[in-house]
Amino acid sequence: YETAGKNGTTYTSLKAKLTNVISSATDTEVHTMLDALLPPDTYFRFNPYMSEDVPLNENRTEKLNFLKSEGERYLERNEAKLRKAASVLGQQKSTIQRVAEWAKLKADMYEGLPFVSKL
């Protein structure tokens, strides 16, 4: 969070503004790339638009209620997407998926150990 004064919420430096623009552009590029490359129903992005900048250290009840209502509205508008993500997350994994995850876990566990030879 920002402290009061020059770095307060009413003052935003040019550097901060540029950083936000670059971060936003990069964030969108990553989303577009993941959405295009991954199989259907494996990537879900929930990114609500905030109509007001609220600092992380905010504790006023009215502001917290505002954030809650913004979140609820976002979820209502995206209910189908949320239900789809929940459905995908709740699916039983196939035997192939479980074996692949087990193999990756074992490979990660032994990576870098001197007594394990690499093929």
PDB file of N, CA and C in Angstrom:
ATOM      1  N   TYR A   1       0.844  -1.173   0.000  1.00  0.00           N
ATOM      2  CA  TYR A   1       0.000   0.000   0.000  1.00  0.00           C
ATOM      3  C   TYR A   1       0.883   1.228   0.000  1.00  0.00           C
ATOM      4  N   GLU A   2       0.320   2.329  -0.421  1.00  0.00           N
ATOM      5  CA  GLU A   2       1.074   3.574  -0.482  1.00  0.00           C
ATOM      6  C   GLU A   2       0.832   4.385   0.775  1.00  0.00           C
ATOM      7  N   THR A   3       1.856   5.109   1.192  1.00  0.00           N
ATOM      8  CA  THR A   3       1.708   5.974   2.359  1.00  0.00           C
ATOM      9  C   THR A   3       1.137   7.314   1.921  1.00  0.00           C
ATOM     10  N   ALA A   4       0.661   8.095   2.885  1.00  0.00           N
ATOM     11  CA  ALA A   4       0.078   9.411   2.589  1.00  0.00           C
ATOM     12  C   ALA A   4       1.140  10.357   2.051  1.00  0.00           C
ATOM     13  N   GLY A   5       0.696  11.415   1.418  1.00  0.00           N
ATOM     14  CA  GLY A   5       1.623  12.417   0.893  1.00  0.00           C
ATOM     15  C   GLY A   5       1.805  12.252  -0.592  1.00  0.00           C
ATOM     16  N   LYS A   6       3.012  12.478  -1.053  1.00  0.00           N
ATOM     17  CA  LYS A   6       3.309  12.413  -2.479  1.00  0.00           C
ATOM     18  C   LYS A   6       2.973  11.040  -3.060  1.00  0.00           C
ATOM     19  N   ASN A   7       3.135   9.994  -2.264  1.00  0.00           N
ATOM     20  CA  ASN A   7       2.852   8.647  -2.752  1.00  0.00           C
ATOM     21  C   ASN A   7       1.438   8.197  -2.412  1.00  0.00           C
ATOM     22  N   GLY A   8       0.585   9.096  -1.945  1.00  0.00           N
ATOM     23  CA  GLY A   8      -0.777   8.743  -1.559  1.00  0.00           C
ATOM     24  C   GLY A   8      -1.638   8.384  -2.745  1.00  0.00           C
ATOM     25  N   THR A   9      -2.860   7.964  -2.453  1.00  0.00           N
ATOM     26  CA  THR A   9      -3.732   7.492  -3.523  1.00  0.00           C
ATOM     27  C   THR A   9      -4.178   8.603  -4.464  1.00  0.00           C
ATOM     28  N   THR A  10      -4.063   9.861  -4.053  1.00  0.00           N
ATOM     29  CA  THR A  10      -4.462  10.955  -4.934  1.00  0.00           C
ATOM     30  C   THR A  10      -3.334  11.377  -5.866  1.00  0.00           C
ATOM     31  N   TYR A  11      -2.116  10.904  -5.601  1.00  0.00           N
ATOM     32  CA  TYR A  11      -0.974  11.260  -6.425  1.00  0.00           C
ATOM     33  C   TYR A  11      -0.438   9.995  -7.085  1.00  0.00           C
ATOM     34  N   THR A  12      -0.321  10.027  -8.400  1.00  0.00           N
ATOM     35  CA  THR A  12       0.261   8.903  -9.115  1.00  0.00           C
ATOM     36  C   THR A  12       1.335   9.436 -10.037  1.00  0.00           C
ATOM     37  N   SER A  13       2.550   8.929  -9.851  1.00  0.00           N
ATOM     38  CA  SER A  13       3.664   9.414 -10.661  1.00  0.00           C
ATOM     39  C   SER A  13       3.563   8.897 -12.090  1.00  0.00           C
ATOM     40  N   LEU A  14       4.254   9.542 -12.981  1.00  0.00           N
ATOM     41  CA  LEU A  14       4.295   9.118 -14.371  1.00  0.00           C
ATOM     42  C   LEU A  14       4.859   7.705 -14.472  1.00  0.00           C
ATOM     43  N   LYS A  15       5.888   7.424 -13.671  1.00  0.00           N
ATOM     44  CA  LYS A  15       6.484   6.090 -13.674  1.00  0.00           C
ATOM     45  C   LYS A  15       5.445   5.038 -13.290  1.00  0.00           C
ATOM     46  N   ALA A  16       4.647   5.308 -12.264  1.00  0.00           N
ATOM     47  CA  ALA A  16       3.614   4.364 -11.826  1.00  0.00           C
ATOM     48  C   ALA A  16       2.561   4.170 -12.911  1.00  0.00           C
ATOM     49  N   LYS A  17       2.179   5.255 -13.569  1.00  0.00           N
ATOM     50  CA  LYS A  17       1.191   5.157 -14.639  1.00  0.00           C
ATOM     51  C   LYS A  17       1.716   4.308 -15.794  1.00  0.00           C
ATOM     52  N   LEU A  18       2.965   4.540 -16.194  1.00  0.00           N
ATOM     53  CA  LEU A  18       3.565   3.756 -17.273  1.00  0.00           C
ATOM     54  C   LEU A  18       3.691   2.286 -16.876  1.00  0.00           C
ATOM     55  N   THR A  19       4.083   2.043 -15.650  1.00  0.00           N
ATOM     56  CA  THR A  19       4.202   0.676 -15.158  1.00  0.00           C
ATOM     57  C   THR A  19       2.859  -0.031 -15.221  1.00  0.00           C
ATOM     58  N   ASN A  20       1.789   0.669 -14.830  1.00  0.00           N
ATOM     59  CA  ASN A  20       0.450   0.079 -14.877  1.00  0.00           C
ATOM     60  C   ASN A  20       0.027  -0.235 -16.302  1.00  0.00           C
ATOM     61  N   VAL A  21       0.321   0.663 -17.240  1.00  0.00           N
ATOM     62  CA  VAL A  21      -0.039   0.441 -18.642  1.00  0.00           C
ATOM     63  C   VAL A  21       0.722  -0.761 -19.204  1.00  0.00           C
ATOM     64  N   ILE A  22       2.020  -0.841 -18.931  1.00  0.00           N
ATOM     65  CA  ILE A  22       2.837  -1.957 -19.427  1.00  0.00           C
ATOM     66  C   ILE A  22       2.376  -3.263 -18.800  1.00  0.00           C
ATOM     67  N   SER A  23       2.117  -3.241 -17.504  1.00  0.00           N
ATOM     68  CA  SER A  23       1.658  -4.435 -16.802  1.00  0.00           C
ATOM     69  C   SER A  23       0.328  -4.915 -17.366  1.00  0.00           C
ATOM     70  N   SER A  24      -0.573  -3.994 -17.615  1.00  0.00           N
ATOM     71  CA  SER A  24      -1.883  -4.335 -18.165  1.00  0.00           C
ATOM     72  C   SER A  24      -1.746  -4.947 -19.551  1.00  0.00           C
ATOM     73  N   ALA A  25      -0.906  -4.367 -20.380  1.00  0.00           N
ATOM     74  CA  ALA A  25      -0.706  -4.884 -21.732  1.00  0.00           C
ATOM     75  C   ALA A  25      -0.101  -6.280 -21.684  1.00  0.00           C
ATOM     76  N   THR A  26       0.893  -6.476 -20.835  1.00  0.00           N
ATOM     77  CA  THR A  26       1.535  -7.780 -20.701  1.00  0.00           C
ATOM     78  C   THR A  26       0.546  -8.795 -20.173  1.00  0.00           C
ATOM     79  N   ASP A  27      -0.239  -8.404 -19.193  1.00  0.00           N
ATOM     80  CA  ASP A  27      -1.244  -9.278 -18.599  1.00  0.00           C
ATOM     81  C   ASP A  27      -2.233  -9.745 -19.663  1.00  0.00           C
ATOM     82  N   THR A  28      -2.664  -8.852 -20.507  1.00  0.00           N
ATOM     83  CA  THR A  28      -3.609  -9.184 -21.572  1.00  0.00           C
ATOM     84  C   THR A  28      -2.970 -10.121 -22.586  1.00  0.00           C
ATOM     85  N   GLU A  29      -1.709  -9.896 -22.910  1.00  0.00           N
ATOM     86  CA  GLU A  29      -1.004 -10.757 -23.855  1.00  0.00           C
ATOM     87  C   GLU A  29      -0.903 -12.181 -23.320  1.00  0.00           C
ATOM     88  N   VAL A  30      -0.589 -12.318 -22.030  1.00  0.00           N
ATOM     89  CA  VAL A  30      -0.486 -13.641 -21.417  1.00  0.00           C
ATOM     90  C   VAL A  30      -1.845 -14.332 -21.469  1.00  0.00           C
ATOM     91  N   HIS A  31      -2.897 -13.595 -21.140  1.00  0.00           N
ATOM     92  CA  HIS A  31      -4.249 -14.162 -21.183  1.00  0.00           C
ATOM     93  C   HIS A  31      -4.588 -14.645 -22.584  1.00  0.00           C
ATOM     94  N   THR A  32      -4.328 -13.832 -23.581  1.00  0.00           N
ATOM     95  CA  THR A  32      -4.640 -14.178 -24.963  1.00  0.00           C
ATOM     96  C   THR A  32      -3.856 -15.418 -25.397  1.00  0.00           C
ATOM     97  N   MET A  33      -2.578 -15.461 -25.023  1.00  0.00           N
ATOM     98  CA  MET A  33      -1.731 -16.586 -25.398  1.00  0.00           C
ATOM     99  C   MET A  33      -2.218 -17.882 -24.731  1.00  0.00           C
ATOM    100  N   LEU A  34      -2.479 -17.830 -23.431  1.00  0.00           N
ATOM    101  CA  LEU A  34      -2.937 -19.027 -22.726  1.00  0.00           C
ATOM    102  C   LEU A  34      -4.283 -19.507 -23.261  1.00  0.00           C
ATOM    103  N   ASP A  35      -5.171 -18.578 -23.506  1.00  0.00           N
ATOM    104  CA  ASP A  35      -6.496 -18.918 -24.010  1.00  0.00           C
ATOM    105  C   ASP A  35      -6.405 -19.602 -25.375  1.00  0.00           C
ATOM    106  N   ALA A  36      -5.462 -19.163 -26.201  1.00  0.00           N
ATOM    107  CA  ALA A  36      -5.305 -19.721 -27.548  1.00  0.00           C
ATOM    108  C   ALA A  36      -4.571 -21.060 -27.543  1.00  0.00           C
ATOM    109  N   LEU A  37      -3.585 -21.212 -26.652  1.00  0.00           N
ATOM    110  CA  LEU A  37      -2.731 -22.400 -26.686  1.00  0.00           C
ATOM    111  C   LEU A  37      -3.273 -23.590 -25.905  1.00  0.00           C
ATOM    112  N   LEU A  38      -3.963 -23.340 -24.821  1.00  0.00           N
ATOM    113  CA  LEU A  38      -4.424 -24.439 -23.980  1.00  0.00           C
ATOM    114  C   LEU A  38      -5.697 -25.069 -24.535  1.00  0.00           C
ATOM    115  N   PRO A  39      -5.886 -26.353 -24.244  1.00  0.00           N
ATOM    116  CA  PRO A  39      -7.117 -27.017 -24.705  1.00  0.00           C
ATOM    117  C   PRO A  39      -8.356 -26.337 -24.114  1.00  0.00           C
ATOM    118  N   PRO A  40      -9.493 -26.482 -24.758  1.00  0.00           N
ATOM    119  CA  PRO A  40     -10.722 -25.871 -24.239  1.00  0.00           C
ATOM    120  C   PRO A  40     -11.022 -26.354 -22.816  1.00  0.00           C
ATOM    121  N   ASP A  41     -11.606 -25.478 -22.044  1.00  0.00           N
ATOM    122  CA  ASP A  41     -12.028 -25.780 -20.672  1.00  0.00           C
ATOM    123  C   ASP A  41     -10.877 -26.128 -19.727  1.00  0.00           C
ATOM    124  N   THR A  42      -9.685 -25.582 -19.999  1.00  0.00           N
ATOM    125  CA  THR A  42      -8.578 -25.777 -19.054  1.00  0.00           C
ATOM    126  C   THR A  42      -8.052 -24.457 -18.513  1.00  0.00           C
ATOM    127  N   TYR A  43      -8.440 -23.357 -19.114  1.00  0.00           N
ATOM    128  CA  TYR A  43      -7.971 -22.044 -18.666  1.00  0.00           C
ATOM    129  C   TYR A  43      -9.172 -21.133 -18.469  1.00  0.00           C
ATOM    130  N   PHE A  44      -9.305 -20.633 -17.256  1.00  0.00           N
ATOM    131  CA  PHE A  44     -10.380 -19.701 -16.933  1.00  0.00           C
ATOM    132  C   PHE A  44      -9.746 -18.481 -16.283  1.00  0.00           C
ATOM    133  N   ARG A  45     -10.170 -17.322 -16.700  1.00  0.00           N
ATOM    134  CA  ARG A  45      -9.648 -16.088 -16.120  1.00  0.00           C
ATOM    135  C   ARG A  45     -10.806 -15.295 -15.531  1.00  0.00           C
ATOM    136  N   PHE A  46     -10.660 -14.970 -14.256  1.00  0.00           N
ATOM    137  CA  PHE A  46     -11.638 -14.138 -13.567  1.00  0.00           C
ATOM    138  C   PHE A  46     -10.917 -12.856 -13.186  1.00  0.00           C
ATOM    139  N   ASN A  47     -11.298 -11.764 -13.832  1.00  0.00           N
ATOM    140  CA  ASN A  47     -10.586 -10.507 -13.674  1.00  0.00           C
ATOM    141  C   ASN A  47     -11.588  -9.355 -13.635  1.00  0.00           C
ATOM    142  N   PRO A  48     -12.212  -9.136 -12.481  1.00  0.00           N
ATOM    143  CA  PRO A  48     -13.245  -8.096 -12.429  1.00  0.00           C
ATOM    144  C   PRO A  48     -12.685  -6.701 -12.636  1.00  0.00           C
ATOM    145  N   TYR A  49     -13.448  -5.896 -13.334  1.00  0.00           N
ATOM    146  CA  TYR A  49     -13.107  -4.488 -13.505  1.00  0.00           C
ATOM    147  C   TYR A  49     -13.514  -3.756 -12.229  1.00  0.00           C
ATOM    148  N   MET A  50     -12.614  -2.954 -11.697  1.00  0.00           N
ATOM    149  CA  MET A  50     -12.902  -2.186 -10.495  1.00  0.00           C
ATOM    150  C   MET A  50     -13.185  -0.746 -10.909  1.00  0.00           C
ATOM    151  N   SER A  51     -14.352  -0.246 -10.564  1.00  0.00           N
ATOM    152  CA  SER A  51     -14.724   1.115 -10.946  1.00  0.00           C
ATOM    153  C   SER A  51     -14.046   2.160 -10.072  1.00  0.00           C
ATOM    154  N   GLU A  52     -13.368   1.711  -9.028  1.00  0.00           N
ATOM    155  CA  GLU A  52     -12.688   2.627  -8.115  1.00  0.00           C
ATOM    156  C   GLU A  52     -11.421   1.952  -7.608  1.00  0.00           C
ATOM    157  N   ASP A  53     -10.341   2.719  -7.493  1.00  0.00           N
ATOM    158  CA  ASP A  53      -9.090   2.202  -6.951  1.00  0.00           C
ATOM    159  C   ASP A  53      -9.190   2.176  -5.426  1.00  0.00           C
ATOM    160  N   VAL A  54      -9.088   0.998  -4.843  1.00  0.00           N
ATOM    161  CA  VAL A  54      -9.174   0.868  -3.389  1.00  0.00           C
ATOM    162  C   VAL A  54      -7.838   0.309  -2.906  1.00  0.00           C
ATOM    163  N   PRO A  55      -7.173   1.018  -1.988  1.00  0.00           N
ATOM    164  CA  PRO A  55      -5.872   0.548  -1.500  1.00  0.00           C
ATOM    165  C   PRO A  55      -5.997  -0.778  -0.735  1.00  0.00           C
ATOM    166  N   LEU A  56      -4.906  -1.548  -0.719  1.00  0.00           N
ATOM    167  CA  LEU A  56      -4.912  -2.839  -0.052  1.00  0.00           C
ATOM    168  C   LEU A  56      -5.128  -2.743   1.455  1.00  0.00           C
ATOM    169  N   ASN A  57      -4.782  -1.609   2.032  1.00  0.00           N
ATOM    170  CA  ASN A  57      -4.922  -1.464   3.485  1.00  0.00           C
ATOM    171  C   ASN A  57      -6.248  -0.815   3.881  1.00  0.00           C
ATOM    172  N   GLU A  58      -7.192  -0.777   2.973  1.00  0.00           N
ATOM    173  CA  GLU A  58      -8.501  -0.169   3.251  1.00  0.00           C
ATOM    174  C   GLU A  58      -9.234  -0.979   4.315  1.00  0.00           C
ATOM    175  N   ASN A  59      -9.846  -0.275   5.287  1.00  0.00           N
ATOM    176  CA  ASN A  59     -10.584  -0.991   6.329  1.00  0.00           C
ATOM    177  C   ASN A  59     -11.924  -0.346   6.672  1.00  0.00           C
ATOM    178  N   ARG A  60     -12.308   0.706   5.937  1.00  0.00           N
ATOM    179  CA  ARG A  60     -13.599   1.336   6.204  1.00  0.00           C
ATOM    180  C   ARG A  60     -14.723   0.421   5.720  1.00  0.00           C
ATOM    181  N   THR A  61     -15.732   0.271   6.539  1.00  0.00           N
ATOM    182  CA  THR A  61     -16.843  -0.632   6.247  1.00  0.00           C
ATOM    183  C   THR A  61     -17.497  -0.313   4.920  1.00  0.00           C
ATOM    184  N   GLU A  62     -17.719   0.971   4.626  1.00  0.00           N
ATOM    185  CA  GLU A  62     -18.391   1.320   3.370  1.00  0.00           C
ATOM    186  C   GLU A  62     -17.563   0.934   2.150  1.00  0.00           C
ATOM    187  N   LYS A  63     -16.241   1.043   2.249  1.00  0.00           N
ATOM    188  CA  LYS A  63     -15.377   0.661   1.123  1.00  0.00           C
ATOM    189  C   LYS A  63     -15.333  -0.860   0.976  1.00  0.00           C
ATOM    190  N   LEU A  64     -15.294  -1.570   2.094  1.00  0.00           N
ATOM    191  CA  LEU A  64     -15.289  -3.027   2.036  1.00  0.00           C
ATOM    192  C   LEU A  64     -16.623  -3.547   1.486  1.00  0.00           C
ATOM    193  N   ASN A  65     -17.714  -2.906   1.863  1.00  0.00           N
ATOM    194  CA  ASN A  65     -19.020  -3.266   1.310  1.00  0.00           C
ATOM    195  C   ASN A  65     -19.076  -2.979  -0.182  1.00  0.00           C
ATOM    196  N   PHE A  66     -18.449  -1.871  -0.598  1.00  0.00           N
ATOM    197  CA  PHE A  66     -18.362  -1.524  -2.017  1.00  0.00           C
ATOM    198  C   PHE A  66     -17.631  -2.634  -2.781  1.00  0.00           C
ATOM    199  N   LEU A  67     -16.477  -3.088  -2.240  1.00  0.00           N
ATOM    200  CA  LEU A  67     -15.717  -4.156  -2.889  1.00  0.00           C
ATOM    201  C   LEU A  67     -16.537  -5.446  -2.960  1.00  0.00           C
ATOM    202  N   LYS A  68     -17.246  -5.737  -1.890  1.00  0.00           N
ATOM    203  CA  LYS A  68     -18.076  -6.938  -1.859  1.00  0.00           C
ATOM    204  C   LYS A  68     -19.159  -6.868  -2.939  1.00  0.00           C
ATOM    205  N   SER A  69     -19.825  -5.727  -3.051  1.00  0.00           N
ATOM    206  CA  SER A  69     -20.891  -5.602  -4.050  1.00  0.00           C
ATOM    207  C   SER A  69     -20.329  -5.654  -5.466  1.00  0.00           C
ATOM    208  N   GLU A  70     -19.154  -5.069  -5.693  1.00  0.00           N
ATOM    209  CA  GLU A  70     -18.510  -5.162  -7.016  1.00  0.00           C
ATOM    210  C   GLU A  70     -18.231  -6.620  -7.363  1.00  0.00           C
ATOM    211  N   GLY A  71     -17.700  -7.363  -6.393  1.00  0.00           N
ATOM    212  CA  GLY A  71     -17.402  -8.781  -6.608  1.00  0.00           C
ATOM    213  C   GLY A  71     -18.649  -9.592  -6.880  1.00  0.00           C
ATOM    214  N   GLU A  72     -19.703  -9.328  -6.126  1.00  0.00           N
ATOM    215  CA  GLU A  72     -20.967 -10.058  -6.327  1.00  0.00           C
ATOM    216  C   GLU A  72     -21.551  -9.778  -7.710  1.00  0.00           C
ATOM    217  N   ARG A  73     -21.512  -8.504  -8.133  1.00  0.00           N
ATOM    218  CA  ARG A  73     -22.017  -8.166  -9.470  1.00  0.00           C
ATOM    219  C   ARG A  73     -21.205  -8.873 -10.554  1.00  0.00           C
ATOM    220  N   TYR A  74     -19.875  -8.904 -10.377  1.00  0.00           N
ATOM    221  CA  TYR A  74     -19.009  -9.576 -11.350  1.00  0.00           C
ATOM    222  C   TYR A  74     -19.357 -11.059 -11.445  1.00  0.00           C
ATOM    223  N   LEU A  75     -19.537 -11.694 -10.288  1.00  0.00           N
ATOM    224  CA  LEU A  75     -19.858 -13.122 -10.288  1.00  0.00           C
ATOM    225  C   LEU A  75     -21.231 -13.395 -10.900  1.00  0.00           C
ATOM    226  N   GLU A  76     -22.184 -12.514 -10.662  1.00  0.00           N
ATOM    227  CA  GLU A  76     -23.514 -12.665 -11.273  1.00  0.00           C
ATOM    228  C   GLU A  76     -23.421 -12.583 -12.793  1.00  0.00           C
ATOM    229  N   ARG A  77     -22.628 -11.622 -13.295  1.00  0.00           N
ATOM    230  CA  ARG A  77     -22.476 -11.460 -14.743  1.00  0.00           C
ATOM    231  C   ARG A  77     -21.708 -12.624 -15.365  1.00  0.00           C
ATOM    232  N   ASN A  78     -20.886 -13.291 -14.578  1.00  0.00           N
ATOM    233  CA  ASN A  78     -20.042 -14.372 -15.091  1.00  0.00           C
ATOM    234  C   ASN A  78     -20.405 -15.728 -14.485  1.00  0.00           C
ATOM    235  N   GLU A  79     -21.666 -15.882 -14.114  1.00  0.00           N
ATOM    236  CA  GLU A  79     -22.097 -17.103 -13.434  1.00  0.00           C
ATOM    237  C   GLU A  79     -21.848 -18.353 -14.274  1.00  0.00           C
ATOM    238  N   ALA A  80     -22.132 -18.291 -15.560  1.00  0.00           N
ATOM    239  CA  ALA A  80     -21.941 -19.463 -16.420  1.00  0.00           C
ATOM    240  C   ALA A  80     -20.465 -19.873 -16.460  1.00  0.00           C
ATOM    241  N   LYS A  81     -19.588 -18.899 -16.586  1.00  0.00           N
ATOM    242  CA  LYS A  81     -18.152 -19.188 -16.620  1.00  0.00           C
ATOM    243  C   LYS A  81     -17.680 -19.767 -15.289  1.00  0.00           C
ATOM    244  N   LEU A  82     -18.172 -19.236 -14.205  1.00  0.00           N
ATOM    245  CA  LEU A  82     -17.811 -19.720 -12.872  1.00  0.00           C
ATOM    246  C   LEU A  82     -18.301 -21.158 -12.679  1.00  0.00           C
ATOM    247  N   ARG A  83     -19.532 -21.429 -13.102  1.00  0.00           N
ATOM    248  CA  ARG A  83     -20.071 -22.791 -12.993  1.00  0.00           C
ATOM    249  C   ARG A  83     -19.260 -23.778 -13.855  1.00  0.00           C
ATOM    250  N   LYS A  84     -18.850 -23.336 -15.033  1.00  0.00           N
ATOM    251  CA  LYS A  84     -18.049 -24.191 -15.913  1.00  0.00           C
ATOM    252  C   LYS A  84     -16.702 -24.505 -15.262  1.00  0.00           C
ATOM    253  N   ALA A  85     -16.049 -23.493 -14.693  1.00  0.00           N
ATOM    254  CA  ALA A  85     -14.763 -23.702 -14.028  1.00  0.00           C
ATOM    255  C   ALA A  85     -14.920 -24.661 -12.848  1.00  0.00           C
ATOM    256  N   ALA A  86     -15.978 -24.485 -12.065  1.00  0.00           N
ATOM    257  CA  ALA A  86     -16.227 -25.372 -10.927  1.00  0.00           C
ATOM    258  C   ALA A  86     -16.468 -26.800 -11.404  1.00  0.00           C
ATOM    259  N   SER A  87     -17.181 -26.950 -12.500  1.00  0.00           N
ATOM    260  CA  SER A  87     -17.452 -28.273 -13.055  1.00  0.00           C
ATOM    261  C   SER A  87     -16.156 -28.950 -13.494  1.00  0.00           C
ATOM    262  N   VAL A  88     -15.307 -28.213 -14.189  1.00  0.00           N
ATOM    263  CA  VAL A  88     -14.038 -28.766 -14.667  1.00  0.00           C
ATOM    264  C   VAL A  88     -13.153 -29.142 -13.479  1.00  0.00           C
ATOM    265  N   LEU A  89     -13.092 -28.278 -12.476  1.00  0.00           N
ATOM    266  CA  LEU A  89     -12.260 -28.562 -11.305  1.00  0.00           C
ATOM    267  C   LEU A  89     -12.771 -29.759 -10.513  1.00  0.00           C
ATOM    268  N   GLY A  90     -14.057 -30.014 -10.582  1.00  0.00           N
ATOM    269  CA  GLY A  90     -14.645 -31.113  -9.835  1.00  0.00           C
ATOM    270  C   GLY A  90     -14.622 -32.450 -10.558  1.00  0.00           C
ATOM    271  N   GLN A  91     -14.146 -32.473 -11.793  1.00  0.00           N
ATOM    272  CA  GLN A  91     -14.121 -33.713 -12.564  1.00  0.00           C
ATOM    273  C   GLN A  91     -13.058 -34.673 -12.038  1.00  0.00           C
ATOM    274  N   GLN A  92     -13.385 -35.943 -12.113  1.00  0.00           N
ATOM    275  CA  GLN A  92     -12.430 -36.988 -11.744  1.00  0.00           C
ATOM    276  C   GLN A  92     -11.332 -37.044 -12.808  1.00  0.00           C
ATOM    277  N   LYS A  93     -10.076 -37.157 -12.386  1.00  0.00           N
ATOM    278  CA  LYS A  93      -8.970 -37.246 -13.340  1.00  0.00           C
ATOM    279  C   LYS A  93      -8.924 -38.645 -13.941  1.00  0.00           C
ATOM    280  N   SER A  94      -8.500 -38.674 -15.192  1.00  0.00           N
ATOM    281  CA  SER A  94      -8.358 -39.967 -15.854  1.00  0.00           C
ATOM    282  C   SER A  94      -7.121 -40.679 -15.308  1.00  0.00           C
ATOM    283  N   THR A  95      -7.034 -41.962 -15.561  1.00  0.00           N
ATOM    284  CA  THR A  95      -5.881 -42.751 -15.121  1.00  0.00           C
ATOM    285  C   THR A  95      -4.608 -42.196 -15.745  1.00  0.00           C
ATOM    286  N   ILE A  96      -4.685 -41.807 -16.990  1.00  0.00           N
ATOM    287  CA  ILE A  96      -3.510 -41.254 -17.688  1.00  0.00           C
ATOM    288  C   ILE A  96      -3.057 -39.966 -17.012  1.00  0.00           C
ATOM    289  N   GLN A  97      -3.998 -39.089 -16.651  1.00  0.00           N
ATOM    290  CA  GLN A  97      -3.636 -37.848 -15.968  1.00  0.00           C
ATOM    291  C   GLN A  97      -2.977 -38.133 -14.617  1.00  0.00           C
ATOM    292  N   ARG A  98      -3.525 -39.088 -13.862  1.00  0.00           N
ATOM    293  CA  ARG A  98      -2.958 -39.407 -12.548  1.00  0.00           C
ATOM    294  C   ARG A  98      -1.556 -39.977 -12.680  1.00  0.00           C
ATOM    295  N   VAL A  99      -1.339 -40.860 -13.652  1.00  0.00           N
ATOM    296  CA  VAL A  99      -0.010 -41.446 -13.864  1.00  0.00           C
ATOM    297  C   VAL A  99       0.980 -40.364 -14.294  1.00  0.00           C
ATOM    298  N   ALA A 100       0.565 -39.474 -15.178  1.00  0.00           N
ATOM    299  CA  ALA A 100       1.447 -38.390 -15.641  1.00  0.00           C
ATOM    300  C   ALA A 100       1.821 -37.474 -14.485  1.00  0.00           C
ATOM    301  N   GLU A 101       0.857 -37.137 -13.620  1.00  0.00           N
ATOM    302  CA  GLU A 101       1.153 -36.287 -12.463  1.00  0.00           C
ATOM    303  C   GLU A 101       2.089 -36.992 -11.491  1.00  0.00           C
ATOM    304  N   TRP A 102       1.896 -38.308 -11.282  1.00  0.00           N
ATOM    305  CA  TRP A 102       2.764 -39.074 -10.394  1.00  0.00           C
ATOM    306  C   TRP A 102       4.190 -39.093 -10.942  1.00  0.00           C
ATOM    307  N   ALA A 103       4.329 -39.323 -12.251  1.00  0.00           N
ATOM    308  CA  ALA A 103       5.654 -39.357 -12.878  1.00  0.00           C
ATOM    309  C   ALA A 103       6.346 -38.003 -12.769  1.00  0.00           C
ATOM    310  N   LYS A 104       5.598 -36.933 -12.976  1.00  0.00           N
ATOM    311  CA  LYS A 104       6.191 -35.587 -12.868  1.00  0.00           C
ATOM    312  C   LYS A 104       6.608 -35.305 -11.435  1.00  0.00           C
ATOM    313  N   LEU A 105       5.790 -35.686 -10.472  1.00  0.00           N
ATOM    314  CA  LEU A 105       6.128 -35.495  -9.067  1.00  0.00           C
ATOM    315  C   LEU A 105       7.417 -36.233  -8.720  1.00  0.00           C
ATOM    316  N   LYS A 106       7.541 -37.484  -9.148  1.00  0.00           N
ATOM    317  CA  LYS A 106       8.751 -38.266  -8.874  1.00  0.00           C
ATOM    318  C   LYS A 106       9.962 -37.644  -9.557  1.00  0.00           C
ATOM    319  N   ALA A 107       9.805 -37.214 -10.791  1.00  0.00           N
ATOM    320  CA  ALA A 107      10.922 -36.577 -11.510  1.00  0.00           C
ATOM    321  C   ALA A 107      11.358 -35.307 -10.802  1.00  0.00           C
ATOM    322  N   ASP A 108      10.401 -34.505 -10.345  1.00  0.00           N
ATOM    323  CA  ASP A 108      10.727 -33.270  -9.631  1.00  0.00           C
ATOM    324  C   ASP A 108      11.411 -33.561  -8.301  1.00  0.00           C
ATOM    325  N   MET A 109      10.990 -34.630  -7.632  1.00  0.00           N
ATOM    326  CA  MET A 109      11.579 -34.986  -6.336  1.00  0.00           C
ATOM    327  C   MET A 109      13.044 -35.356  -6.481  1.00  0.00           C
ATOM    328  N   TYR A 110      13.374 -36.093  -7.534  1.00  0.00           N
ATOM    329  CA  TYR A 110      14.733 -36.611  -7.686  1.00  0.00           C
ATOM    330  C   TYR A 110      15.637 -35.727  -8.527  1.00  0.00           C
ATOM    331  N   GLU A 111      15.106 -34.666  -9.096  1.00  0.00           N
ATOM    332  CA  GLU A 111      15.913 -33.790  -9.946  1.00  0.00           C
ATOM    333  C   GLU A 111      17.048 -33.169  -9.146  1.00  0.00           C
ATOM    334  N   GLY A 112      18.240 -33.276  -9.678  1.00  0.00           N
ATOM    335  CA  GLY A 112      19.402 -32.653  -9.042  1.00  0.00           C
ATOM    336  C   GLY A 112      20.093 -33.525  -8.007  1.00  0.00           C
ATOM    337  N   LEU A 113      19.543 -34.683  -7.679  1.00  0.00           N
ATOM    338  CA  LEU A 113      20.185 -35.577  -6.715  1.00  0.00           C
ATOM    339  C   LEU A 113      21.297 -36.338  -7.414  1.00  0.00           C
ATOM    340  N   PRO A 114      22.473 -36.458  -6.783  1.00  0.00           N
ATOM    341  CA  PRO A 114      23.638 -37.057  -7.459  1.00  0.00           C
ATOM    342  C   PRO A 114      23.503 -38.546  -7.758  1.00  0.00           C
ATOM    343  N   PHE A 115      22.712 -39.290  -6.993  1.00  0.00           N
ATOM    344  CA  PHE A 115      22.629 -40.736  -7.194  1.00  0.00           C
ATOM    345  C   PHE A 115      21.608 -41.140  -8.257  1.00  0.00           C
ATOM    346  N   VAL A 116      20.933 -40.173  -8.832  1.00  0.00           N
ATOM    347  CA  VAL A 116      19.953 -40.475  -9.876  1.00  0.00           C
ATOM    348  C   VAL A 116      20.561 -40.097 -11.215  1.00  0.00           C
ATOM    349  N   SER A 117      20.720 -41.079 -12.091  1.00  0.00           N
ATOM    350  CA  SER A 117      21.292 -40.778 -13.406  1.00  0.00           C
ATOM    351  C   SER A 117      20.190 -40.372 -14.370  1.00  0.00           C
ATOM    352  N   LYS A 118      20.517 -39.470 -15.244  1.00  0.00           N
ATOM    353  CA  LYS A 118      19.548 -39.013 -16.251  1.00  0.00           C
ATOM    354  C   LYS A 118      19.704 -39.868 -17.484  1.00  0.00           C
ATOM    355  N   LEU A 119      18.587 -40.199 -18.088  1.00  0.00           N
ATOM    356  CA  LEU A 119      18.611 -41.037 -19.303  1.00  0.00           C
ATOM    357  C   LEU A 119      18.731 -40.181 -20.516  1.00  0.00           C
TER     358      LEU A 119
END
